[in-house]
Amino acid sequence: MRGLNTKKIGDKGEQIAAEYLKGKGYKIIARNVHIGDGEIDIIAQDGDNLVFVEVKTRYSYSYGNPLEAITKDKIKHIIRSAKMYISSNHLYNMQVRFDVIGTTGDEIEHIKDAFWLN
C-alpha cells in the first residue's frame, strides 16, 4: 500500500513541477521518459537550453528535504539517460542543462544547473 501512496505523491509532485516550469516559460517536451535503464522525469526547453529535470517529492519534511534524495548514483543515471536521449534524438547542437525540483506540500524548490553533463 505504501508503494502506491509513494507513486501518487511522486506523480503529483511531477505535475506540480511541470505546471511550475510552464509558468516560468519553459516548454515541456516530454515527461517520464524511460530510456536505457533510467527515467527522466521532465524534459523541457528553456530558451536555447534543453533541460533535463529530476523531481523529488515528499509529503512532509519528516523524511527530510526531498532534494537530499538525489544521490551521486542517481545523478550518474540521469546523465547516462540524458546522453542516450540526446543521441537517439540527434540533439547534439543544443545547450544542455540539468535542473532539480523538490516539492513538499505546496512548497517548490528549483535549482537550475544542479549538475553538469560530463
PDB file of N, CA and C in Angstrom:
ATOM      1  N   MET A   1       0.828  -1.198   0.000  1.00  0.00           N
ATOM      2  CA  MET A   1       0.000   0.000   0.000  1.00  0.00           C
ATOM      3  C   MET A   1       0.866   1.254   0.000  1.00  0.00           C
ATOM      4  N   ARG A   2       1.950   1.227   0.778  1.00  0.00           N
ATOM      5  CA  ARG A   2       2.835   2.389   0.854  1.00  0.00           C
ATOM      6  C   ARG A   2       3.393   2.746  -0.518  1.00  0.00           C
ATOM      7  N   GLY A   3       3.736   1.750  -1.341  1.00  0.00           N
ATOM      8  CA  GLY A   3       4.261   1.977  -2.675  1.00  0.00           C
ATOM      9  C   GLY A   3       3.290   2.749  -3.546  1.00  0.00           C
ATOM     10  N   LEU A   4       2.012   2.411  -3.443  1.00  0.00           N
ATOM     11  CA  LEU A   4       1.002   3.134  -4.220  1.00  0.00           C
ATOM     12  C   LEU A   4       0.913   4.587  -3.774  1.00  0.00           C
ATOM     13  N   ASN A   5       0.953   4.819  -2.467  1.00  0.00           N
ATOM     14  CA  ASN A   5       0.904   6.180  -1.964  1.00  0.00           C
ATOM     15  C   ASN A   5       2.136   6.962  -2.404  1.00  0.00           C
ATOM     16  N   THR A   6       3.296   6.344  -2.361  1.00  0.00           N
ATOM     17  CA  THR A   6       4.533   6.988  -2.796  1.00  0.00           C
ATOM     18  C   THR A   6       4.449   7.342  -4.271  1.00  0.00           C
ATOM     19  N   LYS A   7       3.917   6.433  -5.092  1.00  0.00           N
ATOM     20  CA  LYS A   7       3.757   6.678  -6.534  1.00  0.00           C
ATOM     21  C   LYS A   7       2.817   7.858  -6.768  1.00  0.00           C
ATOM     22  N   LYS A   8       1.704   7.895  -6.051  1.00  0.00           N
ATOM     23  CA  LYS A   8       0.749   9.002  -6.205  1.00  0.00           C
ATOM     24  C   LYS A   8       1.375  10.328  -5.798  1.00  0.00           C
ATOM     25  N   ILE A   9       2.128  10.321  -4.714  1.00  0.00           N
ATOM     26  CA  ILE A   9       2.800  11.539  -4.253  1.00  0.00           C
ATOM     27  C   ILE A   9       3.816  11.985  -5.302  1.00  0.00           C
ATOM     28  N   GLY A  10       4.579  11.035  -5.846  1.00  0.00           N
ATOM     29  CA  GLY A  10       5.566  11.360  -6.875  1.00  0.00           C
ATOM     30  C   GLY A  10       4.924  11.913  -8.131  1.00  0.00           C
ATOM     31  N   ASP A  11       3.815  11.299  -8.572  1.00  0.00           N
ATOM     32  CA  ASP A  11       3.104  11.770  -9.761  1.00  0.00           C
ATOM     33  C   ASP A  11       2.572  13.186  -9.550  1.00  0.00           C
ATOM     34  N   LYS A  12       2.042  13.432  -8.352  1.00  0.00           N
ATOM     35  CA  LYS A  12       1.519  14.768  -8.054  1.00  0.00           C
ATOM     36  C   LYS A  12       2.653  15.794  -8.049  1.00  0.00           C
ATOM     37  N   GLY A  13       3.789  15.418  -7.483  1.00  0.00           N
ATOM     38  CA  GLY A  13       4.943  16.311  -7.474  1.00  0.00           C
ATOM     39  C   GLY A  13       5.426  16.647  -8.876  1.00  0.00           C
ATOM     40  N   GLU A  14       5.437  15.647  -9.751  1.00  0.00           N
ATOM     41  CA  GLU A  14       5.847  15.884 -11.136  1.00  0.00           C
ATOM     42  C   GLU A  14       4.857  16.792 -11.856  1.00  0.00           C
ATOM     43  N   GLN A  15       3.576  16.638 -11.559  1.00  0.00           N
ATOM     44  CA  GLN A  15       2.564  17.521 -12.163  1.00  0.00           C
ATOM     45  C   GLN A  15       2.760  18.957 -11.673  1.00  0.00           C
ATOM     46  N   ILE A  16       2.986  19.110 -10.377  1.00  0.00           N
ATOM     47  CA  ILE A  16       3.233  20.442  -9.800  1.00  0.00           C
ATOM     48  C   ILE A  16       4.475  21.057 -10.441  1.00  0.00           C
ATOM     49  N   ALA A  17       5.533  20.259 -10.588  1.00  0.00           N
ATOM     50  CA  ALA A  17       6.775  20.756 -11.179  1.00  0.00           C
ATOM     51  C   ALA A  17       6.564  21.174 -12.636  1.00  0.00           C
ATOM     52  N   ALA A  18       5.834  20.377 -13.405  1.00  0.00           N
ATOM     53  CA  ALA A  18       5.580  20.706 -14.806  1.00  0.00           C
ATOM     54  C   ALA A  18       4.787  22.008 -14.924  1.00  0.00           C
ATOM     55  N   GLU A  19       3.778  22.176 -14.089  1.00  0.00           N
ATOM     56  CA  GLU A  19       2.980  23.411 -14.121  1.00  0.00           C
ATOM     57  C   GLU A  19       3.837  24.611 -13.711  1.00  0.00           C
ATOM     58  N   TYR A  20       4.680  24.416 -12.720  1.00  0.00           N
ATOM     59  CA  TYR A  20       5.593  25.472 -12.266  1.00  0.00           C
ATOM     60  C   TYR A  20       6.511  25.892 -13.418  1.00  0.00           C
ATOM     61  N   LEU A  21       7.101  24.907 -14.102  1.00  0.00           N
ATOM     62  CA  LEU A  21       8.003  25.216 -15.209  1.00  0.00           C
ATOM     63  C   LEU A  21       7.276  25.925 -16.350  1.00  0.00           C
ATOM     64  N   LYS A  22       6.073  25.474 -16.670  1.00  0.00           N
ATOM     65  CA  LYS A  22       5.276  26.149 -17.703  1.00  0.00           C
ATOM     66  C   LYS A  22       5.051  27.607 -17.326  1.00  0.00           C
ATOM     67  N   GLY A  23       4.762  27.848 -16.055  1.00  0.00           N
ATOM     68  CA  GLY A  23       4.545  29.203 -15.567  1.00  0.00           C
ATOM     69  C   GLY A  23       5.789  30.071 -15.667  1.00  0.00           C
ATOM     70  N   LYS A  24       6.957  29.434 -15.702  1.00  0.00           N
ATOM     71  CA  LYS A  24       8.239  30.144 -15.842  1.00  0.00           C
ATOM     72  C   LYS A  24       8.641  30.281 -17.314  1.00  0.00           C
ATOM     73  N   GLY A  25       7.773  29.821 -18.221  1.00  0.00           N
ATOM     74  CA  GLY A  25       8.049  29.964 -19.645  1.00  0.00           C
ATOM     75  C   GLY A  25       8.732  28.777 -20.301  1.00  0.00           C
ATOM     76  N   TYR A  26       8.921  27.694 -19.569  1.00  0.00           N
ATOM     77  CA  TYR A  26       9.515  26.500 -20.153  1.00  0.00           C
ATOM     78  C   TYR A  26       8.492  25.809 -21.055  1.00  0.00           C
ATOM     79  N   LYS A  27       8.983  25.166 -22.099  1.00  0.00           N
ATOM     80  CA  LYS A  27       8.132  24.329 -22.941  1.00  0.00           C
ATOM     81  C   LYS A  27       8.393  22.888 -22.526  1.00  0.00           C
ATOM     82  N   ILE A  28       7.372  22.196 -22.084  1.00  0.00           N
ATOM     83  CA  ILE A  28       7.524  20.795 -21.686  1.00  0.00           C
ATOM     84  C   ILE A  28       7.538  19.942 -22.953  1.00  0.00           C
ATOM     85  N   ILE A  29       8.622  19.217 -23.140  1.00  0.00           N
ATOM     86  CA  ILE A  29       8.779  18.361 -24.319  1.00  0.00           C
ATOM     87  C   ILE A  29       8.271  16.961 -24.023  1.00  0.00           C
ATOM     88  N   ALA A  30       8.625  16.426 -22.860  1.00  0.00           N
ATOM     89  CA  ALA A  30       8.220  15.061 -22.511  1.00  0.00           C
ATOM     90  C   ALA A  30       8.271  14.889 -20.997  1.00  0.00           C
ATOM     91  N   ARG A  31       7.527  13.890 -20.534  1.00  0.00           N
ATOM     92  CA  ARG A  31       7.536  13.541 -19.115  1.00  0.00           C
ATOM     93  C   ARG A  31       7.682  12.035 -18.979  1.00  0.00           C
ATOM     94  N   ASN A  32       8.346  11.632 -17.905  1.00  0.00           N
ATOM     95  CA  ASN A  32       8.527  10.213 -17.585  1.00  0.00           C
ATOM     96  C   ASN A  32       9.087   9.426 -18.770  1.00  0.00           C
ATOM     97  N   VAL A  33      10.209   9.886 -19.264  1.00  0.00           N
ATOM     98  CA  VAL A  33      10.854   9.240 -20.407  1.00  0.00           C
ATOM     99  C   VAL A  33      11.735   8.100 -19.899  1.00  0.00           C
ATOM    100  N   HIS A  34      11.387   6.888 -20.308  1.00  0.00           N
ATOM    101  CA  HIS A  34      12.182   5.709 -19.952  1.00  0.00           C
ATOM    102  C   HIS A  34      13.156   5.467 -21.090  1.00  0.00           C
ATOM    103  N   ILE A  35      14.427   5.483 -20.761  1.00  0.00           N
ATOM    104  CA  ILE A  35      15.458   5.270 -21.771  1.00  0.00           C
ATOM    105  C   ILE A  35      16.622   4.543 -21.115  1.00  0.00           C
ATOM    106  N   GLY A  36      17.081   3.515 -21.769  1.00  0.00           N
ATOM    107  CA  GLY A  36      18.117   2.691 -21.149  1.00  0.00           C
ATOM    108  C   GLY A  36      17.573   2.095 -19.862  1.00  0.00           C
ATOM    109  N   ASP A  37      18.373   2.169 -18.813  1.00  0.00           N
ATOM    110  CA  ASP A  37      17.937   1.633 -17.522  1.00  0.00           C
ATOM    111  C   ASP A  37      17.445   2.728 -16.593  1.00  0.00           C
ATOM    112  N   GLY A  38      17.158   3.908 -17.155  1.00  0.00           N
ATOM    113  CA  GLY A  38      16.747   5.023 -16.312  1.00  0.00           C
ATOM    114  C   GLY A  38      15.492   5.706 -16.796  1.00  0.00           C
ATOM    115  N   GLU A  39      15.144   6.742 -16.071  1.00  0.00           N
ATOM    116  CA  GLU A  39      13.971   7.541 -16.396  1.00  0.00           C
ATOM    117  C   GLU A  39      14.314   9.006 -16.177  1.00  0.00           C
ATOM    118  N   ILE A  40      13.821   9.829 -17.061  1.00  0.00           N
ATOM    119  CA  ILE A  40      13.953  11.270 -16.897  1.00  0.00           C
ATOM    120  C   ILE A  40      12.557  11.794 -16.611  1.00  0.00           C
ATOM    121  N   ASP A  41      12.414  12.500 -15.486  1.00  0.00           N
ATOM    122  CA  ASP A  41      11.088  12.947 -15.067  1.00  0.00           C
ATOM    123  C   ASP A  41      10.485  13.950 -16.039  1.00  0.00           C
ATOM    124  N   ILE A  42      11.240  14.993 -16.361  1.00  0.00           N
ATOM    125  CA  ILE A  42      10.738  16.026 -17.265  1.00  0.00           C
ATOM    126  C   ILE A  42      11.869  16.443 -18.200  1.00  0.00           C
ATOM    127  N   ILE A  43      11.545  16.549 -19.483  1.00  0.00           N
ATOM    128  CA  ILE A  43      12.454  17.146 -20.455  1.00  0.00           C
ATOM    129  C   ILE A  43      11.748  18.400 -20.956  1.00  0.00           C
ATOM    130  N   ALA A  44      12.458  19.514 -20.871  1.00  0.00           N
ATOM    131  CA  ALA A  44      11.844  20.796 -21.231  1.00  0.00           C
ATOM    132  C   ALA A  44      12.820  21.631 -22.032  1.00  0.00           C
ATOM    133  N   GLN A  45      12.284  22.691 -22.622  1.00  0.00           N
ATOM    134  CA  GLN A  45      13.136  23.656 -23.298  1.00  0.00           C
ATOM    135  C   GLN A  45      12.953  24.998 -22.609  1.00  0.00           C
ATOM    136  N   ASP A  46      14.073  25.616 -22.275  1.00  0.00           N
ATOM    137  CA  ASP A  46      14.098  26.943 -21.657  1.00  0.00           C
ATOM    138  C   ASP A  46      14.997  27.803 -22.533  1.00  0.00           C
ATOM    139  N   GLY A  47      14.383  28.588 -23.421  1.00  0.00           N
ATOM    140  CA  GLY A  47      15.165  29.358 -24.382  1.00  0.00           C
ATOM    141  C   GLY A  47      15.903  28.399 -25.291  1.00  0.00           C
ATOM    142  N   ASP A  48      17.231  28.534 -25.355  1.00  0.00           N
ATOM    143  CA  ASP A  48      18.054  27.663 -26.191  1.00  0.00           C
ATOM    144  C   ASP A  48      18.526  26.416 -25.459  1.00  0.00           C
ATOM    145  N   ASN A  49      18.111  26.237 -24.215  1.00  0.00           N
ATOM    146  CA  ASN A  49      18.568  25.118 -23.390  1.00  0.00           C
ATOM    147  C   ASN A  49      17.592  23.946 -23.414  1.00  0.00           C
ATOM    148  N   LEU A  50      18.160  22.755 -23.602  1.00  0.00           N
ATOM    149  CA  LEU A  50      17.416  21.526 -23.395  1.00  0.00           C
ATOM    150  C   LEU A  50      17.631  21.180 -21.926  1.00  0.00           C
ATOM    151  N   VAL A  51      16.550  21.090 -21.167  1.00  0.00           N
ATOM    152  CA  VAL A  51      16.658  20.940 -19.720  1.00  0.00           C
ATOM    153  C   VAL A  51      16.094  19.584 -19.291  1.00  0.00           C
ATOM    154  N   PHE A  52      16.937  18.822 -18.605  1.00  0.00           N
ATOM    155  CA  PHE A  52      16.524  17.555 -18.008  1.00  0.00           C
ATOM    156  C   PHE A  52      16.264  17.839 -16.536  1.00  0.00           C
ATOM    157  N   VAL A  53      15.053  17.531 -16.099  1.00  0.00           N
ATOM    158  CA  VAL A  53      14.633  17.894 -14.745  1.00  0.00           C
ATOM    159  C   VAL A  53      14.339  16.644 -13.930  1.00  0.00           C
ATOM    160  N   GLU A  54      15.009  16.543 -12.796  1.00  0.00           N
ATOM    161  CA  GLU A  54      14.731  15.485 -11.827  1.00  0.00           C
ATOM    162  C   GLU A  54      13.835  16.078 -10.748  1.00  0.00           C
ATOM    163  N   VAL A  55      12.733  15.396 -10.455  1.00  0.00           N
ATOM    164  CA  VAL A  55      11.767  15.877  -9.468  1.00  0.00           C
ATOM    165  C   VAL A  55      11.729  14.907  -8.299  1.00  0.00           C
ATOM    166  N   LYS A  56      11.842  15.445  -7.104  1.00  0.00           N
ATOM    167  CA  LYS A  56      11.690  14.649  -5.881  1.00  0.00           C
ATOM    168  C   LYS A  56      10.607  15.286  -5.037  1.00  0.00           C
ATOM    169  N   THR A  57       9.736  14.457  -4.519  1.00  0.00           N
ATOM    170  CA  THR A  57       8.587  14.947  -3.763  1.00  0.00           C
ATOM    171  C   THR A  57       8.500  14.241  -2.420  1.00  0.00           C
ATOM    172  N   ARG A  58       8.144  14.986  -1.423  1.00  0.00           N
ATOM    173  CA  ARG A  58       7.873  14.440  -0.093  1.00  0.00           C
ATOM    174  C   ARG A  58       6.526  14.992   0.371  1.00  0.00           C
ATOM    175  N   TYR A  59       5.825  14.174   1.093  1.00  0.00           N
ATOM    176  CA  TYR A  59       4.546  14.588   1.663  1.00  0.00           C
ATOM    177  C   TYR A  59       4.774  15.634   2.745  1.00  0.00           C
ATOM    178  N   SER A  60       5.863  15.445   3.504  1.00  0.00           N
ATOM    179  CA  SER A  60       6.220  16.393   4.558  1.00  0.00           C
ATOM    180  C   SER A  60       7.737  16.338   4.739  1.00  0.00           C
ATOM    181  N   TYR A  61       8.247  17.196   5.584  1.00  0.00           N
ATOM    182  CA  TYR A  61       9.684  17.215   5.847  1.00  0.00           C
ATOM    183  C   TYR A  61      10.118  16.173   6.886  1.00  0.00           C
ATOM    184  N   SER A  62       9.193  15.346   7.349  1.00  0.00           N
ATOM    185  CA  SER A  62       9.551  14.360   8.365  1.00  0.00           C
ATOM    186  C   SER A  62      10.588  13.348   7.853  1.00  0.00           C
ATOM    187  N   TYR A  63      10.680  13.195   6.531  1.00  0.00           N
ATOM    188  CA  TYR A  63      11.707  12.329   5.946  1.00  0.00           C
ATOM    189  C   TYR A  63      12.844  13.146   5.341  1.00  0.00           C
ATOM    190  N   GLY A  64      12.900  14.430   5.657  1.00  0.00           N
ATOM    191  CA  GLY A  64      13.969  15.289   5.168  1.00  0.00           C
ATOM    192  C   GLY A  64      13.569  16.065   3.921  1.00  0.00           C
ATOM    193  N   ASN A  65      14.478  16.898   3.476  1.00  0.00           N
ATOM    194  CA  ASN A  65      14.278  17.686   2.265  1.00  0.00           C
ATOM    195  C   ASN A  65      14.291  16.733   1.069  1.00  0.00           C
ATOM    196  N   PRO A  66      13.343  16.858   0.152  1.00  0.00           N
ATOM    197  CA  PRO A  66      13.311  15.926  -0.983  1.00  0.00           C
ATOM    198  C   PRO A  66      14.580  15.971  -1.833  1.00  0.00           C
ATOM    199  N   LEU A  67      15.237  17.109  -1.896  1.00  0.00           N
ATOM    200  CA  LEU A  67      16.438  17.220  -2.724  1.00  0.00           C
ATOM    201  C   LEU A  67      17.603  16.394  -2.173  1.00  0.00           C
ATOM    202  N   GLU A  68      17.548  16.058  -0.889  1.00  0.00           N
ATOM    203  CA  GLU A  68      18.586  15.221  -0.295  1.00  0.00           C
ATOM    204  C   GLU A  68      18.564  13.802  -0.857  1.00  0.00           C
ATOM    205  N   ALA A  69      17.478  13.430  -1.521  1.00  0.00           N
ATOM    206  CA  ALA A  69      17.348  12.083  -2.086  1.00  0.00           C
ATOM    207  C   ALA A  69      18.038  11.954  -3.442  1.00  0.00           C
ATOM    208  N   ILE A  70      18.589  13.027  -3.965  1.00  0.00           N
ATOM    209  CA  ILE A  70      19.286  12.972  -5.249  1.00  0.00           C
ATOM    210  C   ILE A  70      20.759  12.686  -4.967  1.00  0.00           C
ATOM    211  N   THR A  71      21.100  11.431  -5.087  1.00  0.00           N
ATOM    212  CA  THR A  71      22.438  10.954  -4.750  1.00  0.00           C
ATOM    213  C   THR A  71      23.371  11.026  -5.958  1.00  0.00           C
ATOM    214  N   LYS A  72      24.662  10.807  -5.724  1.00  0.00           N
ATOM    215  CA  LYS A  72      25.639  10.775  -6.816  1.00  0.00           C
ATOM    216  C   LYS A  72      25.287   9.674  -7.818  1.00  0.00           C
ATOM    217  N   ASP A  73      24.843   8.522  -7.323  1.00  0.00           N
ATOM    218  CA  ASP A  73      24.460   7.438  -8.231  1.00  0.00           C
ATOM    219  C   ASP A  73      23.255   7.828  -9.079  1.00  0.00           C
ATOM    220  N   LYS A  74      22.297   8.498  -8.466  1.00  0.00           N
ATOM    221  CA  LYS A  74      21.117   8.957  -9.208  1.00  0.00           C
ATOM    222  C   LYS A  74      21.536   9.944 -10.295  1.00  0.00           C
ATOM    223  N   ILE A  75      22.440  10.840  -9.975  1.00  0.00           N
ATOM    224  CA  ILE A  75      22.935  11.820 -10.944  1.00  0.00           C
ATOM    225  C   ILE A  75      23.600  11.101 -12.120  1.00  0.00           C
ATOM    226  N   LYS A  76      24.407  10.081 -11.842  1.00  0.00           N
ATOM    227  CA  LYS A  76      25.056   9.313 -12.913  1.00  0.00           C
ATOM    228  C   LYS A  76      24.022   8.682 -13.840  1.00  0.00           C
ATOM    229  N   HIS A  77      22.953   8.129 -13.264  1.00  0.00           N
ATOM    230  CA  HIS A  77      21.890   7.522 -14.068  1.00  0.00           C
ATOM    231  C   HIS A  77      21.178   8.560 -14.927  1.00  0.00           C
ATOM    232  N   ILE A  78      20.911   9.726 -14.351  1.00  0.00           N
ATOM    233  CA  ILE A  78      20.237  10.791 -15.100  1.00  0.00           C
ATOM    234  C   ILE A  78      21.105  11.234 -16.267  1.00  0.00           C
ATOM    235  N   ILE A  79      22.390  11.442 -16.014  1.00  0.00           N
ATOM    236  CA  ILE A  79      23.310  11.876 -17.080  1.00  0.00           C
ATOM    237  C   ILE A  79      23.389  10.814 -18.178  1.00  0.00           C
ATOM    238  N   ARG A  80      23.504   9.557 -17.792  1.00  0.00           N
ATOM    239  CA  ARG A  80      23.556   8.475 -18.783  1.00  0.00           C
ATOM    240  C   ARG A  80      22.280   8.443 -19.624  1.00  0.00           C
ATOM    241  N   SER A  81      21.135   8.582 -18.979  1.00  0.00           N
ATOM    242  CA  SER A  81      19.863   8.589 -19.710  1.00  0.00           C
ATOM    243  C   SER A  81      19.764   9.806 -20.622  1.00  0.00           C
ATOM    244  N   ALA A  82      20.234  10.957 -20.138  1.00  0.00           N
ATOM    245  CA  ALA A  82      20.197  12.174 -20.957  1.00  0.00           C
ATOM    246  C   ALA A  82      21.076  12.011 -22.197  1.00  0.00           C
ATOM    247  N   LYS A  83      22.260  11.437 -22.034  1.00  0.00           N
ATOM    248  CA  LYS A  83      23.142  11.208 -23.181  1.00  0.00           C
ATOM    249  C   LYS A  83      22.468  10.295 -24.203  1.00  0.00           C
ATOM    250  N   MET A  84      21.788   9.270 -23.734  1.00  0.00           N
ATOM    251  CA  MET A  84      21.079   8.356 -24.640  1.00  0.00           C
ATOM    252  C   MET A  84      19.949   9.091 -25.364  1.00  0.00           C
ATOM    253  N   TYR A  85      19.229   9.947 -24.635  1.00  0.00           N
ATOM    254  CA  TYR A  85      18.138  10.711 -25.238  1.00  0.00           C
ATOM    255  C   TYR A  85      18.684  11.659 -26.305  1.00  0.00           C
ATOM    256  N   ILE A  86      19.756  12.368 -25.974  1.00  0.00           N
ATOM    257  CA  ILE A  86      20.379  13.299 -26.920  1.00  0.00           C
ATOM    258  C   ILE A  86      20.820  12.549 -28.174  1.00  0.00           C
ATOM    259  N   SER A  87      21.462  11.416 -27.985  1.00  0.00           N
ATOM    260  CA  SER A  87      21.955  10.625 -29.113  1.00  0.00           C
ATOM    261  C   SER A  87      20.808  10.096 -29.976  1.00  0.00           C
ATOM    262  N   SER A  88      19.813   9.519 -29.349  1.00  0.00           N
ATOM    263  CA  SER A  88      18.716   8.914 -30.111  1.00  0.00           C
ATOM    264  C   SER A  88      17.857   9.962 -30.829  1.00  0.00           C
ATOM    265  N   ASN A  89      17.891  11.204 -30.363  1.00  0.00           N
ATOM    266  CA  ASN A  89      17.111  12.275 -30.999  1.00  0.00           C
ATOM    267  C   ASN A  89      17.986  13.260 -31.773  1.00  0.00           C
ATOM    268  N   HIS A  90      19.272  12.954 -31.893  1.00  0.00           N
ATOM    269  CA  HIS A  90      20.219  13.771 -32.670  1.00  0.00           C
ATOM    270  C   HIS A  90      20.183  15.239 -32.248  1.00  0.00           C
ATOM    271  N   LEU A  91      20.282  15.480 -30.958  1.00  0.00           N
ATOM    272  CA  LEU A  91      20.204  16.841 -30.404  1.00  0.00           C
ATOM    273  C   LEU A  91      21.583  17.342 -29.984  1.00  0.00           C
ATOM    274  N   TYR A  92      22.584  17.044 -30.766  1.00  0.00           N
ATOM    275  CA  TYR A  92      23.968  17.339 -30.409  1.00  0.00           C
ATOM    276  C   TYR A  92      24.281  18.829 -30.332  1.00  0.00           C
ATOM    277  N   ASN A  93      23.541  19.654 -31.033  1.00  0.00           N
ATOM    278  CA  ASN A  93      23.867  21.083 -31.097  1.00  0.00           C
ATOM    279  C   ASN A  93      23.141  21.929 -30.054  1.00  0.00           C
ATOM    280  N   MET A  94      22.399  21.308 -29.167  1.00  0.00           N
ATOM    281  CA  MET A  94      21.667  22.067 -28.153  1.00  0.00           C
ATOM    282  C   MET A  94      22.490  22.211 -26.876  1.00  0.00           C
ATOM    283  N   GLN A  95      22.319  23.327 -26.218  1.00  0.00           N
ATOM    284  CA  GLN A  95      22.885  23.504 -24.885  1.00  0.00           C
ATOM    285  C   GLN A  95      22.076  22.629 -23.928  1.00  0.00           C
ATOM    286  N   VAL A  96      22.750  21.950 -23.029  1.00  0.00           N
ATOM    287  CA  VAL A  96      22.082  21.037 -22.100  1.00  0.00           C
ATOM    288  C   VAL A  96      22.250  21.541 -20.678  1.00  0.00           C
ATOM    289  N   ARG A  97      21.158  21.440 -19.918  1.00  0.00           N
ATOM    290  CA  ARG A  97      21.194  21.843 -18.516  1.00  0.00           C
ATOM    291  C   ARG A  97      20.432  20.806 -17.698  1.00  0.00           C
ATOM    292  N   PHE A  98      20.874  20.622 -16.459  1.00  0.00           N
ATOM    293  CA  PHE A  98      20.196  19.712 -15.539  1.00  0.00           C
ATOM    294  C   PHE A  98      19.675  20.516 -14.356  1.00  0.00           C
ATOM    295  N   ASP A  99      18.379  20.487 -14.158  1.00  0.00           N
ATOM    296  CA  ASP A  99      17.741  21.150 -13.028  1.00  0.00           C
ATOM    297  C   ASP A  99      17.163  20.090 -12.103  1.00  0.00           C
ATOM    298  N   VAL A 100      16.991  20.455 -10.855  1.00  0.00           N
ATOM    299  CA  VAL A 100      16.270  19.599  -9.920  1.00  0.00           C
ATOM    300  C   VAL A 100      15.177  20.423  -9.252  1.00  0.00           C
ATOM    301  N   ILE A 101      14.077  19.777  -8.993  1.00  0.00           N
ATOM    302  CA  ILE A 101      12.954  20.408  -8.306  1.00  0.00           C
ATOM    303  C   ILE A 101      12.533  19.511  -7.162  1.00  0.00           C
ATOM    304  N   GLY A 102      12.409  20.099  -5.993  1.00  0.00           N
ATOM    305  CA  GLY A 102      11.888  19.403  -4.830  1.00  0.00           C
ATOM    306  C   GLY A 102      10.554  20.011  -4.457  1.00  0.00           C
ATOM    307  N   THR A 103       9.566  19.167  -4.211  1.00  0.00           N
ATOM    308  CA  THR A 103       8.269  19.662  -3.764  1.00  0.00           C
ATOM    309  C   THR A 103       7.913  19.003  -2.435  1.00  0.00           C
ATOM    310  N   THR A 104       7.406  19.811  -1.542  1.00  0.00           N
ATOM    311  CA  THR A 104       6.903  19.330  -0.249  1.00  0.00           C
ATOM    312  C   THR A 104       5.641  20.129   0.031  1.00  0.00           C
ATOM    313  N   GLY A 105       4.513  19.439   0.015  1.00  0.00           N
ATOM    314  CA  GLY A 105       3.255  20.165   0.172  1.00  0.00           C
ATOM    315  C   GLY A 105       3.115  21.173  -0.946  1.00  0.00           C
ATOM    316  N   ASP A 106       2.924  22.432  -0.592  1.00  0.00           N
ATOM    317  CA  ASP A 106       2.796  23.496  -1.592  1.00  0.00           C
ATOM    318  C   ASP A 106       4.116  24.191  -1.882  1.00  0.00           C
ATOM    319  N   GLU A 107       5.195  23.752  -1.256  1.00  0.00           N
ATOM    320  CA  GLU A 107       6.492  24.398  -1.439  1.00  0.00           C
ATOM    321  C   GLU A 107       7.242  23.781  -2.619  1.00  0.00           C
ATOM    322  N   ILE A 108       7.898  24.653  -3.397  1.00  0.00           N
ATOM    323  CA  ILE A 108       8.699  24.215  -4.535  1.00  0.00           C
ATOM    324  C   ILE A 108      10.081  24.827  -4.410  1.00  0.00           C
ATOM    325  N   GLU A 109      11.099  23.978  -4.531  1.00  0.00           N
ATOM    326  CA  GLU A 109      12.482  24.445  -4.561  1.00  0.00           C
ATOM    327  C   GLU A 109      13.070  24.027  -5.900  1.00  0.00           C
ATOM    328  N   HIS A 110      13.535  25.003  -6.683  1.00  0.00           N
ATOM    329  CA  HIS A 110      14.043  24.756  -8.032  1.00  0.00           C
ATOM    330  C   HIS A 110      15.505  25.177  -8.084  1.00  0.00           C
ATOM    331  N   ILE A 111      16.365  24.242  -8.436  1.00  0.00           N
ATOM    332  CA  ILE A 111      17.787  24.540  -8.581  1.00  0.00           C
ATOM    333  C   ILE A 111      18.165  24.352 -10.045  1.00  0.00           C
ATOM    334  N   LYS A 112      18.501  25.465 -10.699  1.00  0.00           N
ATOM    335  CA  LYS A 112      18.981  25.407 -12.078  1.00  0.00           C
ATOM    336  C   LYS A 112      20.452  25.021 -12.070  1.00  0.00           C
ATOM    337  N   ASP A 113      20.877  24.345 -13.129  1.00  0.00           N
ATOM    338  CA  ASP A 113      22.280  23.929 -13.247  1.00  0.00           C
ATOM    339  C   ASP A 113      22.752  23.168 -12.011  1.00  0.00           C
ATOM    340  N   ALA A 114      21.953  22.234 -11.555  1.00  0.00           N
ATOM    341  CA  ALA A 114      22.274  21.488 -10.342  1.00  0.00           C
ATOM    342  C   ALA A 114      23.505  20.602 -10.517  1.00  0.00           C
ATOM    343  N   PHE A 115      23.699  20.099 -11.726  1.00  0.00           N
ATOM    344  CA  PHE A 115      24.890  19.326 -12.069  1.00  0.00           C
ATOM    345  C   PHE A 115      25.086  19.420 -13.569  1.00  0.00           C
ATOM    346  N   TRP A 116      26.203  18.896 -14.061  1.00  0.00           N
ATOM    347  CA  TRP A 116      26.572  19.114 -15.454  1.00  0.00           C
ATOM    348  C   TRP A 116      26.832  17.818 -16.191  1.00  0.00           C
ATOM    349  N   LEU A 117      26.662  17.902 -17.494  1.00  0.00           N
ATOM    350  CA  LEU A 117      26.976  16.800 -18.392  1.00  0.00           C
ATOM    351  C   LEU A 117      28.485  16.669 -18.496  1.00  0.00           C
ATOM    352  N   ASN A 118      28.985  15.467 -18.333  1.00  0.00           N
ATOM    353  CA  ASN A 118      30.440  15.280 -18.441  1.00  0.00           C
ATOM    354  C   ASN A 118      30.773  14.138 -19.369  1.00  0.00           C
TER     355      ASN A 118
END
